[in-house]
């Protein structure tokens, strides 16, 4: 279940999604964040941390 993931698990998933170019699609953040059970600002913070 997504709500049982650790921060590192989520970062790994986000890195994988980012590497596939999904976040280049408009609106992707708004779709991915709820699926990972995190807020949109949190997803942006995770993306910033991956740079």
C-alpha atoms as a PDB file:
ATOM      1  CA  UNK A   1       0.000   0.000   0.000  1.00  0.00           C
ATOM      2  CA  UNK A   2       1.209   3.483  -0.869  1.00  0.00           C
ATOM      3  CA  UNK A   3       0.573   4.876   2.600  1.00  0.00           C
ATOM      4  CA  UNK A   4       3.107   2.401   4.034  1.00  0.00           C
ATOM      5  CA  UNK A   5       5.978   3.574   1.826  1.00  0.00           C
ATOM      6  CA  UNK A   6       8.991   5.223   3.386  1.00  0.00           C
ATOM      7  CA  UNK A   7      10.317   8.533   2.129  1.00  0.00           C
ATOM      8  CA  UNK A   8      13.141   6.692   0.383  1.00  0.00           C
ATOM      9  CA  UNK A   9      10.650   4.356  -1.296  1.00  0.00           C
ATOM     10  CA  UNK A  10       8.722   7.352  -2.590  1.00  0.00           C
ATOM     11  CA  UNK A  11      11.908   9.042  -3.787  1.00  0.00           C
ATOM     12  CA  UNK A  12      12.865   5.894  -5.678  1.00  0.00           C
ATOM     13  CA  UNK A  13       9.450   5.751  -7.336  1.00  0.00           C
ATOM     14  CA  UNK A  14       9.546   9.453  -8.191  1.00  0.00           C
ATOM     15  CA  UNK A  15      13.061   9.096  -9.624  1.00  0.00           C
ATOM     16  CA  UNK A  16      11.857   6.246 -11.819  1.00  0.00           C
ATOM     17  CA  UNK A  17       8.846   8.247 -13.007  1.00  0.00           C
ATOM     18  CA  UNK A  18      11.027  11.299 -13.624  1.00  0.00           C
ATOM     19  CA  UNK A  19      13.564   9.261 -15.599  1.00  0.00           C
ATOM     20  CA  UNK A  20      10.738   8.092 -17.867  1.00  0.00           C
ATOM     21  CA  UNK A  21       9.820  11.709 -18.613  1.00  0.00           C
ATOM     22  CA  UNK A  22       6.331  11.521 -17.150  1.00  0.00           C
ATOM     23  CA  UNK A  23       6.684  14.874 -15.403  1.00  0.00           C
ATOM     24  CA  UNK A  24       7.172  16.553 -18.775  1.00  0.00           C
ATOM     25  CA  UNK A  25       3.462  15.996 -19.346  1.00  0.00           C
ATOM     26  CA  UNK A  26       1.271  18.846 -18.178  1.00  0.00           C
ATOM     27  CA  UNK A  27      -0.764  17.880 -15.130  1.00  0.00           C
ATOM     28  CA  UNK A  28       1.286  14.798 -14.287  1.00  0.00           C
ATOM     29  CA  UNK A  29       2.219  16.089 -10.832  1.00  0.00           C
ATOM     30  CA  UNK A  30      -1.440  16.481  -9.946  1.00  0.00           C
ATOM     31  CA  UNK A  31      -2.065  12.875 -10.911  1.00  0.00           C
ATOM     32  CA  UNK A  32       1.037  11.279  -9.404  1.00  0.00           C
ATOM     33  CA  UNK A  33       0.929  13.021  -6.007  1.00  0.00           C
ATOM     34  CA  UNK A  34      -2.434  11.601  -4.892  1.00  0.00           C
ATOM     35  CA  UNK A  35      -1.440   8.150  -6.145  1.00  0.00           C
ATOM     36  CA  UNK A  36       1.606   8.281  -3.855  1.00  0.00           C
ATOM     37  CA  UNK A  37      -0.544   9.639  -1.008  1.00  0.00           C
ATOM     38  CA  UNK A  38       1.483  12.853  -0.821  1.00  0.00           C
ATOM     39  CA  UNK A  39       0.636  16.477  -1.462  1.00  0.00           C
ATOM     40  CA  UNK A  40       1.590  18.284  -4.642  1.00  0.00           C
ATOM     41  CA  UNK A  41       4.027  20.580  -2.767  1.00  0.00           C
ATOM     42  CA  UNK A  42       5.667  17.495  -1.242  1.00  0.00           C
ATOM     43  CA  UNK A  43       6.087  15.966  -4.678  1.00  0.00           C
ATOM     44  CA  UNK A  44       7.724  19.165  -5.903  1.00  0.00           C
ATOM     45  CA  UNK A  45      10.078  19.074  -2.886  1.00  0.00           C
ATOM     46  CA  UNK A  46      10.996  15.482  -3.703  1.00  0.00           C
ATOM     47  CA  UNK A  47      11.631  16.423  -7.329  1.00  0.00           C
ATOM     48  CA  UNK A  48      13.843  19.291  -6.195  1.00  0.00           C
ATOM     49  CA  UNK A  49      15.778  16.910  -3.948  1.00  0.00           C
ATOM     50  CA  UNK A  50      16.456  14.646  -6.931  1.00  0.00           C
ATOM     51  CA  UNK A  51      18.201  17.378  -8.918  1.00  0.00           C
END
